[in-house]
Amino acid sequence: MLPWVKLGETTMPGGGVMTLMQRGSEFSIMSGVVTLMNNRQNHSEEQLAALSASRVGARPKARILIGGLGMGFTLRAALQCFAADSEIVVAELVPEVVAWARGPLAVLHGTSLDDPRVRIHQGDVATAIGGGKLFDAILLDVDNSPDGLFRPANDRLYNAAGLAAARSALTTGGHLAVWSSYSDARFTKRLRQTGMAIEEVTVRARSNGKGDRHTIWIAVRPSGTSVRPL
């Protein structure tokens, strides 16, 4: 068996070390001994974009916010699924993740970062959510669960105040889509308390229907609710 080779390492904001590893054609981004991302288990990240795009439909000039670049699977799927006139903003907190996308992980990202629909927001997705723009869809995959498992500061995205901020950043009929490595009844309850219509979908990690079961929540802002100005 081929050995793992370390390609890069960086300190995450707030502490903790993130490491990029390669073994043959397999890549992993690790936090200590825990795998955050792996290119052989990416189906659920792709489904995050596909499920979102199916709900946006043919809405013209849709504006999409993706929280977390990672290995780029959600972004690449979004570019395939969303219309040619859409705008896709990708918020990535860790500068090295963007550098890896253009360097050792370019084999996975392809030309996605150069697509004219894409804009990289180097910073916290919470800043983009609170920046005054409205989005037709907000896709969050910035942690392994909606409780700030690997970065405690991420909890502010998933607590009541964070969900209220996301709701306020959605157009009428727009939605929030949240990825998690497991289901969470407490988070489902918090989502329902926002007044949005909630759907919880279980998706396998691998496209062949195998692998871990991951969870994607879709929360739709109902019509008849006020939105902040564009």
C-alpha atoms as a PDB file:
ATOM      1  CA  MET A   1       0.000   0.000   0.000  1.00  0.00           C
ATOM      2  CA  LEU A   2       1.222   3.467  -0.853  1.00  0.00           C
ATOM      3  CA  PRO A   3       2.155   5.674   2.095  1.00  0.00           C
ATOM      4  CA  TRP A   4       0.418   8.943   2.890  1.00  0.00           C
ATOM      5  CA  VAL A   5       2.442  12.029   1.922  1.00  0.00           C
ATOM      6  CA  LYS A   6       1.913  15.421   3.561  1.00  0.00           C
ATOM      7  CA  LEU A   7       1.455  18.129   0.929  1.00  0.00           C
ATOM      8  CA  GLY A   8       0.640  21.062   3.162  1.00  0.00           C
ATOM      9  CA  GLU A   9      -0.257  22.217   6.638  1.00  0.00           C
ATOM     10  CA  THR A  10      -1.864  25.318   8.083  1.00  0.00           C
ATOM     11  CA  THR A  11      -3.175  26.621  11.379  1.00  0.00           C
ATOM     12  CA  MET A  12      -6.909  27.217  11.370  1.00  0.00           C
ATOM     13  CA  PRO A  13      -8.330  30.489  12.689  1.00  0.00           C
ATOM     14  CA  GLY A  14      -9.013  29.972  16.358  1.00  0.00           C
ATOM     15  CA  GLY A  15      -6.429  27.200  16.632  1.00  0.00           C
ATOM     16  CA  GLY A  16      -5.980  23.666  15.418  1.00  0.00           C
ATOM     17  CA  VAL A  17      -3.945  22.334  12.519  1.00  0.00           C
ATOM     18  CA  MET A  18      -5.319  21.407   9.104  1.00  0.00           C
ATOM     19  CA  THR A  19      -3.213  19.062   6.980  1.00  0.00           C
ATOM     20  CA  LEU A  20      -3.441  18.139   3.294  1.00  0.00           C
ATOM     21  CA  MET A  21      -2.437  14.520   2.623  1.00  0.00           C
ATOM     22  CA  GLN A  22      -2.071  12.448  -0.548  1.00  0.00           C
ATOM     23  CA  ARG A  23      -1.848   8.716  -1.190  1.00  0.00           C
ATOM     24  CA  GLY A  24      -1.731   7.967  -4.895  1.00  0.00           C
ATOM     25  CA  SER A  25      -4.882   9.503  -6.390  1.00  0.00           C
ATOM     26  CA  GLU A  26      -6.520   9.882  -2.976  1.00  0.00           C
ATOM     27  CA  PHE A  27      -6.491  13.208  -1.118  1.00  0.00           C
ATOM     28  CA  SER A  28      -7.567  13.960   2.440  1.00  0.00           C
ATOM     29  CA  ILE A  29      -7.790  17.141   4.466  1.00  0.00           C
ATOM     30  CA  MET A  30      -7.290  16.244   8.112  1.00  0.00           C
ATOM     31  CA  SER A  31      -7.678  17.834  11.519  1.00  0.00           C
ATOM     32  CA  GLY A  32      -5.398  15.752  13.688  1.00  0.00           C
ATOM     33  CA  VAL A  33      -6.411  12.144  13.002  1.00  0.00           C
ATOM     34  CA  VAL A  34      -9.933  13.086  11.872  1.00  0.00           C
ATOM     35  CA  THR A  35     -10.747  13.286   8.166  1.00  0.00           C
ATOM     36  CA  LEU A  36     -12.553  16.503   7.266  1.00  0.00           C
ATOM     37  CA  MET A  37     -12.679  15.846   3.516  1.00  0.00           C
ATOM     38  CA  ASN A  38     -11.723  13.003   1.199  1.00  0.00           C
ATOM     39  CA  ASN A  39     -12.064  12.885  -2.569  1.00  0.00           C
ATOM     40  CA  ARG A  40     -13.351   9.298  -2.497  1.00  0.00           C
ATOM     41  CA  GLN A  41     -16.368  10.248  -0.394  1.00  0.00           C
ATOM     42  CA  ASN A  42     -17.812  13.330  -2.054  1.00  0.00           C
ATOM     43  CA  HIS A  43     -21.293  12.365  -3.242  1.00  0.00           C
ATOM     44  CA  SER A  44     -23.142  14.103  -0.424  1.00  0.00           C
ATOM     45  CA  GLU A  45     -21.236  17.357  -1.029  1.00  0.00           C
ATOM     46  CA  GLU A  46     -22.264  17.189  -4.679  1.00  0.00           C
ATOM     47  CA  GLN A  47     -25.851  16.494  -3.645  1.00  0.00           C
ATOM     48  CA  LEU A  48     -25.807  19.633  -1.503  1.00  0.00           C
ATOM     49  CA  ALA A  49     -25.542  21.626  -4.739  1.00  0.00           C
ATOM     50  CA  ALA A  50     -27.864  19.396  -6.759  1.00  0.00           C
ATOM     51  CA  LEU A  51     -30.675  19.501  -4.186  1.00  0.00           C
ATOM     52  CA  SER A  52     -30.289  23.256  -3.919  1.00  0.00           C
ATOM     53  CA  ALA A  53     -30.323  23.814  -7.680  1.00  0.00           C
ATOM     54  CA  SER A  54     -33.468  21.721  -8.070  1.00  0.00           C
ATOM     55  CA  ARG A  55     -35.242  24.128  -5.726  1.00  0.00           C
ATOM     56  CA  VAL A  56     -33.912  27.302  -7.334  1.00  0.00           C
ATOM     57  CA  GLY A  57     -35.075  25.979 -10.698  1.00  0.00           C
ATOM     58  CA  ALA A  58     -35.145  28.458 -13.560  1.00  0.00           C
ATOM     59  CA  ARG A  59     -35.074  31.560 -11.372  1.00  0.00           C
ATOM     60  CA  PRO A  60     -33.206  34.151 -13.501  1.00  0.00           C
ATOM     61  CA  LYS A  61     -29.844  35.496 -12.348  1.00  0.00           C
ATOM     62  CA  ALA A  62     -29.904  33.448  -9.171  1.00  0.00           C
ATOM     63  CA  ARG A  63     -27.390  34.485  -6.538  1.00  0.00           C
ATOM     64  CA  ILE A  64     -25.827  31.583  -4.628  1.00  0.00           C
ATOM     65  CA  LEU A  65     -23.571  31.641  -1.551  1.00  0.00           C
ATOM     66  CA  ILE A  66     -21.471  28.572  -0.736  1.00  0.00           C
ATOM     67  CA  GLY A  67     -19.880  28.461   2.694  1.00  0.00           C
ATOM     68  CA  GLY A  68     -16.669  26.455   2.462  1.00  0.00           C
ATOM     69  CA  LEU A  69     -14.549  25.661  -0.617  1.00  0.00           C
ATOM     70  CA  GLY A  70     -12.963  22.455   0.662  1.00  0.00           C
ATOM     71  CA  MET A  71     -12.023  20.150  -2.203  1.00  0.00           C
ATOM     72  CA  GLY A  72     -14.431  21.950  -4.516  1.00  0.00           C
ATOM     73  CA  PHE A  73     -17.018  19.214  -5.023  1.00  0.00           C
ATOM     74  CA  THR A  74     -19.984  21.390  -4.057  1.00  0.00           C
ATOM     75  CA  LEU A  75     -18.733  24.211  -6.277  1.00  0.00           C
ATOM     76  CA  ARG A  76     -18.142  21.958  -9.279  1.00  0.00           C
ATOM     77  CA  ALA A  77     -21.593  20.432  -8.889  1.00  0.00           C
ATOM     78  CA  ALA A  78     -23.095  23.910  -8.537  1.00  0.00           C
ATOM     79  CA  LEU A  79     -21.496  24.985 -11.808  1.00  0.00           C
ATOM     80  CA  GLN A  80     -23.081  21.984 -13.507  1.00  0.00           C
ATOM     81  CA  CYS A  81     -26.506  22.411 -11.899  1.00  0.00           C
ATOM     82  CA  PHE A  82     -27.141  26.157 -11.707  1.00  0.00           C
ATOM     83  CA  ALA A  83     -27.973  28.245 -14.761  1.00  0.00           C
ATOM     84  CA  ALA A  84     -25.409  30.049 -16.882  1.00  0.00           C
ATOM     85  CA  ASP A  85     -26.622  33.463 -15.670  1.00  0.00           C
ATOM     86  CA  SER A  86     -26.218  32.640 -11.966  1.00  0.00           C
ATOM     87  CA  GLU A  87     -23.679  34.221  -9.614  1.00  0.00           C
ATOM     88  CA  ILE A  88     -21.877  31.905  -7.192  1.00  0.00           C
ATOM     89  CA  VAL A  89     -20.001  33.379  -4.242  1.00  0.00           C
ATOM     90  CA  VAL A  90     -17.720  30.960  -2.380  1.00  0.00           C
ATOM     91  CA  ALA A  91     -16.691  32.029   1.118  1.00  0.00           C
ATOM     92  CA  GLU A  92     -13.526  30.330   2.372  1.00  0.00           C
ATOM     93  CA  LEU A  93     -12.017  31.281   5.713  1.00  0.00           C
ATOM     94  CA  VAL A  94      -8.634  29.548   5.349  1.00  0.00           C
ATOM     95  CA  PRO A  95      -6.367  31.137   2.691  1.00  0.00           C
ATOM     96  CA  GLU A  96      -4.340  27.947   2.254  1.00  0.00           C
ATOM     97  CA  VAL A  97      -7.452  26.041   1.157  1.00  0.00           C
ATOM     98  CA  VAL A  98      -7.767  28.416  -1.810  1.00  0.00           C
ATOM     99  CA  ALA A  99      -4.036  28.073  -2.491  1.00  0.00           C
ATOM    100  CA  TRP A 100      -4.319  24.270  -2.414  1.00  0.00           C
ATOM    101  CA  ALA A 101      -7.202  24.495  -4.892  1.00  0.00           C
ATOM    102  CA  ARG A 102      -4.919  26.208  -7.379  1.00  0.00           C
ATOM    103  CA  GLY A 103      -1.946  24.011  -6.472  1.00  0.00           C
ATOM    104  CA  PRO A 104      -1.903  20.343  -5.428  1.00  0.00           C
ATOM    105  CA  LEU A 105      -5.710  19.998  -5.558  1.00  0.00           C
ATOM    106  CA  ALA A 106      -6.068  21.551  -9.019  1.00  0.00           C
ATOM    107  CA  VAL A 107      -6.589  18.024 -10.348  1.00  0.00           C
ATOM    108  CA  LEU A 108      -9.877  17.980  -8.388  1.00  0.00           C
ATOM    109  CA  HIS A 109     -10.967  21.589  -8.878  1.00  0.00           C
ATOM    110  CA  GLY A 110     -10.263  21.762 -12.594  1.00  0.00           C
ATOM    111  CA  THR A 111     -11.125  25.218 -13.955  1.00  0.00           C
ATOM    112  CA  SER A 112     -13.983  25.872 -11.532  1.00  0.00           C
ATOM    113  CA  LEU A 113     -12.303  28.823  -9.812  1.00  0.00           C
ATOM    114  CA  ASP A 114     -11.867  30.535 -13.186  1.00  0.00           C
ATOM    115  CA  ASP A 115     -15.513  30.211 -14.193  1.00  0.00           C
ATOM    116  CA  PRO A 116     -16.924  33.735 -14.769  1.00  0.00           C
ATOM    117  CA  ARG A 117     -19.895  32.941 -12.507  1.00  0.00           C
ATOM    118  CA  VAL A 118     -17.617  32.364  -9.508  1.00  0.00           C
ATOM    119  CA  ARG A 119     -16.367  34.914  -7.002  1.00  0.00           C
ATOM    120  CA  ILE A 120     -14.179  33.935  -4.044  1.00  0.00           C
ATOM    121  CA  HIS A 121     -14.886  35.708  -0.757  1.00  0.00           C
ATOM    122  CA  GLN A 122     -11.737  35.243   1.316  1.00  0.00           C
ATOM    123  CA  GLY A 123     -13.159  35.331   4.811  1.00  0.00           C
ATOM    124  CA  ASP A 124     -15.889  34.100   7.114  1.00  0.00           C
ATOM    125  CA  VAL A 125     -19.154  33.101   5.461  1.00  0.00           C
ATOM    126  CA  ALA A 126     -20.932  34.826   8.374  1.00  0.00           C
ATOM    127  CA  THR A 127     -19.556  38.111   7.039  1.00  0.00           C
ATOM    128  CA  ALA A 128     -20.972  37.384   3.598  1.00  0.00           C
ATOM    129  CA  ILE A 129     -24.347  36.445   5.104  1.00  0.00           C
ATOM    130  CA  GLY A 130     -24.470  39.690   7.057  1.00  0.00           C
ATOM    131  CA  GLY A 131     -23.084  41.840   4.252  1.00  0.00           C
ATOM    132  CA  GLY A 132     -26.417  43.207   3.049  1.00  0.00           C
ATOM    133  CA  LYS A 133     -26.765  41.106  -0.110  1.00  0.00           C
ATOM    134  CA  LEU A 134     -29.701  38.781  -0.721  1.00  0.00           C
ATOM    135  CA  PHE A 135     -29.201  35.228  -1.940  1.00  0.00           C
ATOM    136  CA  ASP A 136     -31.546  32.763  -3.586  1.00  0.00           C
ATOM    137  CA  ALA A 137     -29.660  29.936  -1.890  1.00  0.00           C
ATOM    138  CA  ILE A 138     -27.116  29.696   0.926  1.00  0.00           C
ATOM    139  CA  LEU A 139     -25.219  26.399   1.100  1.00  0.00           C
ATOM    140  CA  LEU A 140     -23.276  25.692   4.293  1.00  0.00           C
ATOM    141  CA  ASP A 141     -20.582  23.023   4.573  1.00  0.00           C
ATOM    142  CA  VAL A 142     -18.051  24.623   6.896  1.00  0.00           C
ATOM    143  CA  ASP A 143     -17.908  21.988   9.631  1.00  0.00           C
ATOM    144  CA  ASN A 144     -18.684  18.303  10.088  1.00  0.00           C
ATOM    145  CA  SER A 145     -21.856  19.076  12.028  1.00  0.00           C
ATOM    146  CA  PRO A 146     -24.133  21.999  12.957  1.00  0.00           C
ATOM    147  CA  ASP A 147     -22.520  22.456  16.355  1.00  0.00           C
ATOM    148  CA  GLY A 148     -19.067  23.808  15.525  1.00  0.00           C
ATOM    149  CA  LEU A 149     -17.450  20.403  16.005  1.00  0.00           C
ATOM    150  CA  PHE A 150     -14.021  21.298  14.621  1.00  0.00           C
ATOM    151  CA  ARG A 151     -14.141  25.075  14.975  1.00  0.00           C
ATOM    152  CA  PRO A 152     -16.251  26.281  17.918  1.00  0.00           C
ATOM    153  CA  ALA A 153     -16.710  29.696  16.286  1.00  0.00           C
ATOM    154  CA  ASN A 154     -18.728  27.970  13.548  1.00  0.00           C
ATOM    155  CA  ASP A 155     -21.472  27.419  16.093  1.00  0.00           C
ATOM    156  CA  ARG A 156     -22.609  30.993  15.525  1.00  0.00           C
ATOM    157  CA  LEU A 157     -23.697  29.984  12.025  1.00  0.00           C
ATOM    158  CA  TYR A 158     -25.970  27.274  13.378  1.00  0.00           C
ATOM    159  CA  ASN A 159     -27.362  28.784  16.579  1.00  0.00           C
ATOM    160  CA  ALA A 160     -30.644  30.704  16.689  1.00  0.00           C
ATOM    161  CA  ALA A 161     -29.037  34.061  15.890  1.00  0.00           C
ATOM    162  CA  GLY A 162     -27.031  32.608  13.006  1.00  0.00           C
ATOM    163  CA  LEU A 163     -30.073  30.954  11.472  1.00  0.00           C
ATOM    164  CA  ALA A 164     -32.047  34.180  11.815  1.00  0.00           C
ATOM    165  CA  ALA A 165     -29.251  36.021   9.992  1.00  0.00           C
ATOM    166  CA  ALA A 166     -29.279  33.441   7.203  1.00  0.00           C
ATOM    167  CA  ARG A 167     -33.061  33.718   6.899  1.00  0.00           C
ATOM    168  CA  SER A 168     -32.769  37.493   6.605  1.00  0.00           C
ATOM    169  CA  ALA A 169     -30.204  37.080   3.811  1.00  0.00           C
ATOM    170  CA  LEU A 170     -32.568  34.975   1.674  1.00  0.00           C
ATOM    171  CA  THR A 171     -34.902  36.191  -1.017  1.00  0.00           C
ATOM    172  CA  THR A 172     -38.565  35.237  -0.680  1.00  0.00           C
ATOM    173  CA  GLY A 173     -38.707  31.573  -1.607  1.00  0.00           C
ATOM    174  CA  GLY A 174     -34.948  31.298  -1.218  1.00  0.00           C
ATOM    175  CA  HIS A 175     -33.470  28.565   0.908  1.00  0.00           C
ATOM    176  CA  LEU A 176     -30.718  27.592   3.300  1.00  0.00           C
ATOM    177  CA  ALA A 177     -29.082  24.191   2.684  1.00  0.00           C
ATOM    178  CA  VAL A 178     -26.900  22.747   5.448  1.00  0.00           C
ATOM    179  CA  TRP A 179     -24.621  19.688   5.191  1.00  0.00           C
ATOM    180  CA  SER A 180     -23.732  17.527   8.190  1.00  0.00           C
ATOM    181  CA  SER A 181     -21.999  14.209   8.730  1.00  0.00           C
ATOM    182  CA  TYR A 182     -24.954  13.130  10.880  1.00  0.00           C
ATOM    183  CA  SER A 183     -28.528  14.009  11.787  1.00  0.00           C
ATOM    184  CA  ASP A 184     -29.179  16.350  14.711  1.00  0.00           C
ATOM    185  CA  ALA A 185     -32.659  16.655  16.236  1.00  0.00           C
ATOM    186  CA  ARG A 186     -31.740  19.793  18.182  1.00  0.00           C
ATOM    187  CA  PHE A 187     -30.626  21.545  15.014  1.00  0.00           C
ATOM    188  CA  THR A 188     -33.797  20.479  13.217  1.00  0.00           C
ATOM    189  CA  LYS A 189     -35.792  22.045  16.049  1.00  0.00           C
ATOM    190  CA  ARG A 190     -33.823  25.309  15.793  1.00  0.00           C
ATOM    191  CA  LEU A 191     -34.444  25.410  12.053  1.00  0.00           C
ATOM    192  CA  ARG A 192     -38.191  24.965  12.546  1.00  0.00           C
ATOM    193  CA  GLN A 193     -38.213  27.820  15.031  1.00  0.00           C
ATOM    194  CA  THR A 194     -37.119  30.196  12.236  1.00  0.00           C
ATOM    195  CA  GLY A 195     -40.520  29.788  10.600  1.00  0.00           C
ATOM    196  CA  MET A 196     -39.019  28.317   7.445  1.00  0.00           C
ATOM    197  CA  ALA A 197     -40.327  25.153   5.778  1.00  0.00           C
ATOM    198  CA  ILE A 198     -37.901  22.329   6.610  1.00  0.00           C
ATOM    199  CA  GLU A 199     -36.909  19.189   4.733  1.00  0.00           C
ATOM    200  CA  GLU A 200     -34.274  16.748   6.004  1.00  0.00           C
ATOM    201  CA  VAL A 201     -32.599  14.500   3.420  1.00  0.00           C
ATOM    202  CA  THR A 202     -30.295  11.537   4.069  1.00  0.00           C
ATOM    203  CA  VAL A 203     -27.559  11.084   1.456  1.00  0.00           C
ATOM    204  CA  ARG A 204     -24.832   8.466   1.174  1.00  0.00           C
ATOM    205  CA  ALA A 205     -21.189   9.533   1.065  1.00  0.00           C
ATOM    206  CA  ARG A 206     -20.523   7.516  -2.098  1.00  0.00           C
ATOM    207  CA  SER A 207     -22.380   7.711  -5.404  1.00  0.00           C
ATOM    208  CA  ASN A 208     -22.842   3.914  -5.452  1.00  0.00           C
ATOM    209  CA  GLY A 209     -25.211   4.162  -2.488  1.00  0.00           C
ATOM    210  CA  LYS A 210     -22.596   3.031   0.003  1.00  0.00           C
ATOM    211  CA  GLY A 211     -20.557   4.816   2.621  1.00  0.00           C
ATOM    212  CA  ASP A 212     -21.641   6.850   5.611  1.00  0.00           C
ATOM    213  CA  ARG A 213     -25.081   8.411   5.819  1.00  0.00           C
ATOM    214  CA  HIS A 214     -24.892  12.197   5.762  1.00  0.00           C
ATOM    215  CA  THR A 215     -27.671  14.724   6.320  1.00  0.00           C
ATOM    216  CA  ILE A 216     -28.717  17.763   4.311  1.00  0.00           C
ATOM    217  CA  TRP A 217     -31.344  20.167   5.628  1.00  0.00           C
ATOM    218  CA  ILE A 218     -33.251  22.440   3.249  1.00  0.00           C
ATOM    219  CA  ALA A 219     -34.999  25.400   4.895  1.00  0.00           C
ATOM    220  CA  VAL A 220     -37.148  27.570   2.606  1.00  0.00           C
ATOM    221  CA  ARG A 221     -38.076  31.159   3.397  1.00  0.00           C
ATOM    222  CA  PRO A 222     -41.845  31.344   2.847  1.00  0.00           C
ATOM    223  CA  SER A 223     -43.568  33.914   0.681  1.00  0.00           C
ATOM    224  CA  GLY A 224     -45.275  36.803   2.377  1.00  0.00           C
ATOM    225  CA  THR A 225     -42.312  37.567   4.653  1.00  0.00           C
ATOM    226  CA  SER A 226     -40.407  40.826   4.466  1.00  0.00           C
ATOM    227  CA  VAL A 227     -36.855  40.843   3.160  1.00  0.00           C
ATOM    228  CA  ARG A 228     -34.137  43.419   3.534  1.00  0.00           C
ATOM    229  CA  PRO A 229     -33.531  45.665   0.490  1.00  0.00           C
ATOM    230  CA  LEU A 230     -31.229  44.512  -2.298  1.00  0.00           C
END
